Amino acid sequence: MAADQKSPVAPLLEVIDLKTHFPIRTGVFSRVSGHVYAVDGVSINLREGETLGLVGESGSGKSTLGKSIMRLVEPTSGEIKISGVAITGLNKRDMFVHRRQVQMVFQDPYSSLNPRIPVGKVVAEALHIHGIASGVAADEMVRELFRRVGLRAAQTRNYANEFSGGQRQRVGIARALALNPKLIIADEPVSALDVSVQAQVINLFMDLQQELGLSYLFIAHDLAVVAQVCHRIAVMYLGKIIEVANRDELFKAPQHPYTQALLASIPIPNPEIKPAADRVLQGDIPSPSDPPKGCRFHTRCPLAETRCRTEEPPFKEGSPGHWVACHLH
């Protein structure tokens, strides 16, 4: 969403013109020969109690944006505000305080857990590091967190390999909840799970939001999942946000050709119904190290005009709350 868009309630998260570029080093002396423009001028905001979905193909920069907001990856430029406080330039000591407000649930629940120690201790680490609790008090808090996410208290003694994929993700959610955060960044949290388990974990996210008043930045490529859990949706392509709208508005009247193509790709349980040929994406997403000039989608857009190849479209509000970056709208 545009950085200057006004909201009656101050946003919990505000990202302003954020850029995260990775240098490409070549040769014996590792000279910088170019950059990967993973996130290239993103502005979004998120209100308390809201779920903002972030969708796009693999390689669009979604996960990098989430990690940049967490400052697991350091942004190149731009500004990140949590509850009105700019955290972009904070040192490690000052950032330590703000990390309690924002936590992350990772895509792969197994690789995000230490396999060498019981999962109860994995969850308790945050309590110890932040001085919240230790000893018996920490153990009781961890058992309560396990109950809250649908696990048994006795399972705190088990190791990661003793859990199913869905149970591991529940452990990951318990760890994220340990510091009582305001915002959780969920990076493809159900993509590695079976469909039946996906539904259970999605319901858990929704129940926790209602119970605790959480806000989510929900990163996904499955639009069916996003439609179930999100209030608003931001569509990302090749490092940029190209459309933002309320969930119902986006599904009812998508404005950007890329969004239209994504929606057309949702499987329909009727073999006789096929998406229109001009709505099916052709080709691969371009390299983020050499993005096309003008509109970045013009190389795959069936409606591209001459100016689409030379002029970057402005991000404009076509209808209340519905923003799009497209010359055709």
Protein backbone atom coordinates (compact mmCIF):
# COMPACT_ATOMS: atom_id res chain seq x y z
CA MET A 1 0.00 0.00 0.00
CA ALA A 2 1.21 3.47 -0.71
CA ALA A 3 3.15 4.94 2.16
CA ASP A 4 1.09 8.11 2.19
CA GLN A 5 -2.27 6.32 2.33
CA LYS A 6 -4.19 7.49 5.37
CA SER A 7 -5.79 5.14 7.83
CA PRO A 8 -8.12 6.03 10.72
CA VAL A 9 -6.01 3.79 12.96
CA ALA A 10 -2.22 4.06 13.14
CA PRO A 11 -0.71 0.93 11.57
CA LEU A 12 1.05 -1.66 13.69
CA LEU A 13 3.50 -2.28 10.85
CA GLU A 14 4.52 0.33 8.30
CA VAL A 15 7.02 -0.41 5.55
CA ILE A 16 8.12 2.56 3.43
CA ASP A 17 10.01 2.18 0.13
CA LEU A 18 11.91 -0.85 1.40
CA LYS A 19 14.73 -2.21 -0.75
CA THR A 20 16.80 -5.33 -0.19
CA HIS A 21 19.49 -5.82 -2.84
CA PHE A 22 22.07 -8.60 -2.74
CA PRO A 23 25.44 -7.99 -4.41
CA ILE A 24 26.64 -10.41 -7.11
CA ARG A 25 30.35 -10.99 -6.65
CA THR A 26 32.55 -12.43 -9.40
CA GLY A 27 36.22 -13.02 -10.07
CA VAL A 28 39.18 -13.73 -7.85
CA PHE A 29 38.76 -10.46 -5.96
CA SER A 30 34.97 -10.86 -5.52
CA ARG A 31 34.19 -7.61 -7.27
CA VAL A 32 30.54 -6.57 -7.30
CA SER A 33 29.33 -7.06 -10.86
CA GLY A 34 25.63 -6.48 -10.22
CA HIS A 35 22.81 -6.90 -7.74
CA VAL A 36 19.80 -9.13 -7.15
CA TYR A 37 16.86 -6.76 -6.63
CA ALA A 38 14.90 -9.10 -4.38
CA VAL A 39 12.81 -6.32 -2.78
CA ASP A 40 12.81 -3.11 -4.76
CA GLY A 41 10.75 -0.31 -3.27
CA VAL A 42 7.94 -1.94 -1.28
CA SER A 43 5.49 0.07 0.83
CA ILE A 44 2.79 -1.69 2.86
CA ASN A 45 1.03 -1.29 6.19
CA LEU A 46 -0.78 -3.58 8.56
CA ARG A 47 -3.26 -2.68 11.29
CA GLU A 48 -3.68 -4.35 14.68
CA GLY A 49 -5.82 -7.49 14.52
CA GLU A 50 -5.54 -7.65 10.73
CA THR A 51 -4.17 -10.33 8.42
CA LEU A 52 -2.44 -9.08 5.28
CA GLY A 53 -1.80 -11.76 2.69
CA LEU A 54 1.30 -11.49 0.52
CA VAL A 55 1.05 -13.57 -2.65
CA GLY A 56 3.09 -14.11 -5.79
CA GLU A 57 5.13 -16.69 -7.64
CA SER A 58 8.36 -18.17 -6.34
CA GLY A 59 11.09 -15.63 -6.93
CA SER A 60 8.85 -12.60 -6.45
CA GLY A 61 10.59 -11.59 -3.21
CA LYS A 62 7.91 -12.50 -0.64
CA SER A 63 10.14 -14.39 1.79
CA THR A 64 12.93 -11.82 1.50
CA LEU A 65 10.44 -9.09 2.37
CA GLY A 66 9.33 -11.00 5.48
CA LYS A 67 12.91 -11.62 6.61
CA SER A 68 13.80 -7.98 5.92
CA ILE A 69 10.96 -6.81 8.15
CA MET A 70 12.31 -9.12 10.87
CA ARG A 71 15.81 -7.83 10.06
CA LEU A 72 17.02 -11.39 9.67
CA VAL A 73 18.16 -9.95 6.35
CA GLU A 74 19.39 -6.36 6.50
CA PRO A 75 17.53 -4.03 4.10
CA THR A 76 19.53 -1.90 1.69
CA SER A 77 17.34 1.17 2.22
CA GLY A 78 13.87 2.24 3.23
CA GLU A 79 12.11 2.34 6.57
CA ILE A 80 10.32 -0.16 8.82
CA LYS A 81 8.14 1.02 11.68
CA ILE A 82 6.67 -1.14 14.43
CA SER A 83 3.99 0.64 16.49
CA GLY A 84 5.30 3.93 15.10
CA VAL A 85 8.95 3.27 16.07
CA ALA A 86 11.48 3.11 13.22
CA ILE A 87 13.55 -0.05 13.66
CA THR A 88 15.54 0.02 10.42
CA GLY A 89 18.63 1.69 11.84
CA LEU A 90 18.61 0.23 15.35
CA ASN A 91 21.69 -1.59 16.59
CA LYS A 92 21.48 -5.14 17.96
CA ARG A 93 20.99 -4.01 21.56
CA ASP A 94 18.11 -1.64 20.75
CA MET A 95 16.60 -4.11 18.29
CA PHE A 96 16.53 -6.76 21.03
CA VAL A 97 13.60 -5.00 22.73
CA HIS A 98 11.54 -4.75 19.56
CA ARG A 99 12.03 -8.37 18.56
CA ARG A 100 9.50 -9.31 21.23
CA GLN A 101 6.80 -7.55 19.23
CA VAL A 102 7.42 -9.38 15.95
CA GLN A 103 7.99 -13.13 15.61
CA MET A 104 8.17 -15.48 12.65
CA VAL A 105 6.78 -18.89 11.72
CA PHE A 106 8.95 -20.50 9.05
CA GLN A 107 8.01 -22.57 6.03
CA ASP A 108 9.87 -25.76 6.95
CA PRO A 109 8.92 -26.72 10.50
CA TYR A 110 11.66 -29.35 10.76
CA SER A 111 14.68 -27.28 9.70
CA SER A 112 13.56 -24.42 11.96
CA LEU A 113 13.82 -26.64 15.07
CA ASN A 114 17.04 -27.77 16.73
CA PRO A 115 16.99 -31.58 16.43
CA ARG A 116 19.50 -32.04 19.28
CA ILE A 117 17.38 -30.77 22.15
CA PRO A 118 13.77 -31.43 23.25
CA VAL A 119 11.25 -29.11 21.64
CA GLY A 120 10.19 -27.81 25.04
CA LYS A 121 13.67 -26.36 25.51
CA VAL A 122 13.54 -24.92 21.99
CA VAL A 123 10.42 -22.98 22.93
CA ALA A 124 11.82 -22.02 26.34
CA GLU A 125 14.97 -20.46 24.85
CA ALA A 126 13.16 -17.20 24.05
CA LEU A 127 11.83 -17.00 27.62
CA HIS A 128 15.35 -17.38 29.00
CA ILE A 129 17.02 -14.97 26.55
CA HIS A 130 14.50 -12.20 27.18
CA GLY A 131 14.47 -12.75 30.95
CA ILE A 132 10.77 -13.59 31.09
CA ALA A 133 11.01 -16.84 33.03
CA SER A 134 13.37 -19.67 33.90
CA GLY A 135 13.34 -22.98 35.70
CA VAL A 136 9.97 -24.32 36.84
CA ALA A 137 8.14 -21.14 35.78
CA ALA A 138 9.47 -21.40 32.23
CA ASP A 139 8.57 -25.09 32.07
CA GLU A 140 4.98 -24.34 33.07
CA MET A 141 4.72 -21.52 30.50
CA VAL A 142 5.95 -23.88 27.78
CA ARG A 143 3.43 -26.56 28.77
CA GLU A 144 0.66 -23.95 28.59
CA LEU A 145 1.86 -22.84 25.15
CA PHE A 146 1.76 -26.47 23.98
CA ARG A 147 -1.81 -26.85 25.20
CA ARG A 148 -2.79 -23.63 23.45
CA VAL A 149 -1.55 -24.86 20.06
CA GLY A 150 -3.16 -28.29 20.41
CA LEU A 151 -0.25 -30.36 21.73
CA ARG A 152 0.01 -32.36 24.95
CA ALA A 153 2.08 -30.95 27.80
CA ALA A 154 4.02 -34.24 28.00
CA GLN A 155 5.28 -33.71 24.43
CA THR A 156 7.62 -30.95 25.59
CA ARG A 157 10.15 -33.72 26.33
CA ASN A 158 10.11 -35.09 22.78
CA TYR A 159 12.54 -34.28 19.98
CA ALA A 160 11.62 -32.78 16.59
CA ASN A 161 11.96 -36.11 14.75
CA GLU A 162 9.25 -37.61 16.96
CA PHE A 163 6.58 -35.27 15.57
CA SER A 164 4.61 -35.17 12.34
CA GLY A 165 4.91 -32.16 10.03
CA GLY A 166 1.74 -30.58 11.38
CA GLN A 167 2.85 -31.09 14.98
CA ARG A 168 6.24 -29.54 14.24
CA GLN A 169 4.54 -26.48 12.82
CA ARG A 170 2.45 -26.25 15.98
CA VAL A 171 5.72 -26.24 17.95
CA GLY A 172 6.93 -23.43 15.68
CA ILE A 173 3.76 -21.48 16.41
CA ALA A 174 4.20 -22.07 20.16
CA ARG A 175 7.73 -20.70 19.93
CA ALA A 176 6.45 -17.62 18.09
CA LEU A 177 3.82 -17.06 20.79
CA ALA A 178 6.28 -17.40 23.68
CA LEU A 179 7.13 -13.67 23.77
CA ASN A 180 3.50 -12.56 23.43
CA PRO A 181 4.11 -10.70 20.13
CA LYS A 182 1.75 -8.27 18.42
CA LEU A 183 2.70 -9.38 14.90
CA ILE A 184 3.56 -12.78 13.46
CA ILE A 185 5.12 -13.11 10.02
CA ALA A 186 4.05 -16.50 8.67
CA ASP A 187 6.24 -17.51 5.73
CA GLU A 188 4.39 -20.19 3.74
CA PRO A 189 3.43 -21.86 7.06
CA VAL A 190 1.25 -24.61 5.56
CA SER A 191 2.80 -25.22 2.12
CA ALA A 192 4.85 -28.21 3.36
CA LEU A 193 1.85 -29.90 5.03
CA ASP A 194 -0.78 -32.34 3.84
CA VAL A 195 -4.06 -30.76 2.79
CA SER A 196 -6.02 -32.09 5.77
CA VAL A 197 -3.33 -30.87 8.17
CA GLN A 198 -3.23 -27.49 6.40
CA ALA A 199 -6.85 -26.91 7.36
CA GLN A 200 -6.13 -27.67 11.02
CA VAL A 201 -3.15 -25.29 11.17
CA ILE A 202 -5.07 -22.54 9.36
CA ASN A 203 -7.91 -22.87 11.85
CA LEU A 204 -5.34 -22.64 14.66
CA PHE A 205 -3.99 -19.38 13.23
CA MET A 206 -7.51 -17.95 13.03
CA ASP A 207 -8.43 -19.07 16.56
CA LEU A 208 -5.25 -17.56 18.01
CA GLN A 209 -5.91 -14.28 16.24
CA GLN A 210 -9.40 -14.07 17.73
CA GLU A 211 -8.19 -15.10 21.18
CA LEU A 212 -5.02 -12.99 21.40
CA GLY A 213 -5.71 -10.13 18.98
CA LEU A 214 -2.71 -11.03 16.82
CA SER A 215 -1.82 -9.46 13.48
CA TYR A 216 -0.40 -11.58 10.67
CA LEU A 217 1.64 -10.98 7.56
CA PHE A 218 0.67 -14.21 5.85
CA ILE A 219 3.01 -15.12 2.98
CA ALA A 220 1.68 -17.73 0.57
CA HIS A 221 1.38 -18.74 -3.05
CA ASP A 222 -1.86 -20.67 -2.56
CA LEU A 223 -4.68 -18.20 -3.17
CA ALA A 224 -7.26 -20.60 -1.76
CA VAL A 225 -5.46 -20.45 1.60
CA VAL A 226 -5.11 -16.67 1.43
CA ALA A 227 -8.81 -16.29 0.70
CA GLN A 228 -9.63 -18.15 3.90
CA VAL A 229 -7.44 -16.29 6.39
CA CYS A 230 -6.71 -12.77 5.08
CA HIS A 231 -8.55 -9.47 5.36
CA ARG A 232 -6.47 -7.73 2.69
CA ILE A 233 -4.17 -9.08 0.01
CA ALA A 234 -1.01 -7.61 -1.51
CA VAL A 235 0.21 -9.08 -4.80
CA MET A 236 3.98 -9.06 -5.34
CA TYR A 237 5.85 -9.50 -8.61
CA LEU A 238 9.61 -9.34 -9.11
CA GLY A 239 10.36 -7.28 -6.02
CA LYS A 240 7.42 -4.87 -6.21
CA ILE A 241 3.86 -4.70 -4.91
CA ILE A 242 1.58 -4.37 -7.93
CA GLU A 243 -1.90 -4.59 -6.36
CA VAL A 244 -3.44 -4.27 -2.90
CA ALA A 245 -7.13 -4.66 -2.07
CA ASN A 246 -9.57 -6.11 0.41
CA ARG A 247 -9.90 -9.86 -0.02
CA ASP A 248 -13.43 -9.84 -1.44
CA GLU A 249 -12.68 -6.94 -3.77
CA LEU A 250 -9.55 -8.58 -5.12
CA PHE A 251 -11.26 -11.87 -5.88
CA LYS A 252 -14.32 -10.15 -7.33
CA ALA A 253 -12.62 -7.51 -9.46
CA PRO A 254 -8.84 -7.98 -9.87
CA GLN A 255 -7.35 -5.08 -11.80
CA HIS A 256 -3.79 -6.09 -12.65
CA PRO A 257 -3.33 -8.68 -15.45
CA TYR A 258 -0.92 -10.61 -13.23
CA THR A 259 -3.49 -10.86 -10.43
CA GLN A 260 -6.09 -11.95 -12.97
CA ALA A 261 -3.72 -14.68 -14.17
CA LEU A 262 -3.05 -15.86 -10.61
CA LEU A 263 -6.76 -16.13 -9.90
CA ALA A 264 -7.34 -17.95 -13.19
CA SER A 265 -4.75 -20.52 -12.10
CA ILE A 266 -6.81 -21.63 -9.07
CA PRO A 267 -7.92 -25.23 -9.78
CA ILE A 268 -11.64 -25.64 -10.49
CA PRO A 269 -13.14 -29.06 -9.59
CA ASN A 270 -14.79 -29.34 -13.00
CA PRO A 271 -12.76 -30.65 -15.96
CA GLU A 272 -15.13 -28.99 -18.43
CA ILE A 273 -14.30 -25.49 -17.15
CA LYS A 274 -10.96 -24.18 -18.36
CA PRO A 275 -9.40 -20.74 -17.80
CA ALA A 276 -9.33 -18.35 -20.74
CA ALA A 277 -6.15 -18.76 -22.77
CA ASP A 278 -5.20 -15.10 -22.35
CA ARG A 279 -5.35 -15.46 -18.57
CA VAL A 280 -2.83 -18.31 -18.37
CA LEU A 281 0.68 -17.14 -17.53
CA GLN A 282 3.26 -17.87 -20.21
CA GLY A 283 7.00 -18.11 -19.66
CA ASP A 284 9.04 -17.81 -16.50
CA ILE A 285 9.46 -14.91 -14.12
CA PRO A 286 12.47 -12.81 -15.24
CA SER A 287 15.69 -12.76 -13.26
CA PRO A 288 15.62 -10.36 -10.30
CA SER A 289 19.22 -9.46 -11.16
CA ASP A 290 18.08 -8.00 -14.49
CA PRO A 291 14.43 -6.94 -14.15
CA PRO A 292 12.67 -5.58 -17.26
CA LYS A 293 12.39 -1.84 -17.66
CA GLY A 294 9.00 -0.17 -17.46
CA CYS A 295 6.34 -2.46 -16.04
CA ARG A 296 8.13 -5.56 -14.83
CA PHE A 297 5.26 -7.76 -15.95
CA HIS A 298 5.23 -6.56 -19.56
CA THR A 299 7.34 -9.50 -20.81
CA ARG A 300 4.50 -11.90 -19.92
CA CYS A 301 1.47 -9.61 -20.17
CA PRO A 302 -0.92 -10.30 -23.08
CA LEU A 303 -2.23 -6.71 -22.85
CA ALA A 304 1.13 -4.89 -22.81
CA GLU A 305 1.34 -1.61 -24.73
CA THR A 306 4.36 0.35 -25.92
CA ARG A 307 4.58 2.50 -22.80
CA CYS A 308 4.46 -0.61 -20.61
CA ARG A 309 7.92 -1.45 -21.95
CA THR A 310 9.43 1.94 -21.14
CA GLU A 311 7.46 3.61 -18.30
CA GLU A 312 7.05 2.20 -14.81
CA PRO A 313 3.35 2.46 -13.89
CA PRO A 314 2.49 4.54 -10.80
CA PHE A 315 0.78 2.91 -7.84
CA LYS A 316 -2.68 4.47 -7.80
CA GLU A 317 -5.95 4.02 -5.91
CA GLY A 318 -8.56 3.09 -8.52
CA SER A 319 -11.38 2.62 -6.00
CA PRO A 320 -11.46 3.06 -2.20
CA GLY A 321 -8.85 0.73 -0.70
CA HIS A 322 -7.97 -0.83 -4.06
CA TRP A 323 -4.48 0.12 -5.29
CA VAL A 324 -2.91 -1.04 -8.53
CA ALA A 325 0.23 -0.35 -10.56
CA CYS A 326 -0.88 -0.74 -14.17
CA HIS A 327 -1.03 1.67 -17.12
CA LEU A 328 -4.31 0.10 -18.22
CA HIS A 329 -6.14 1.14 -15.05
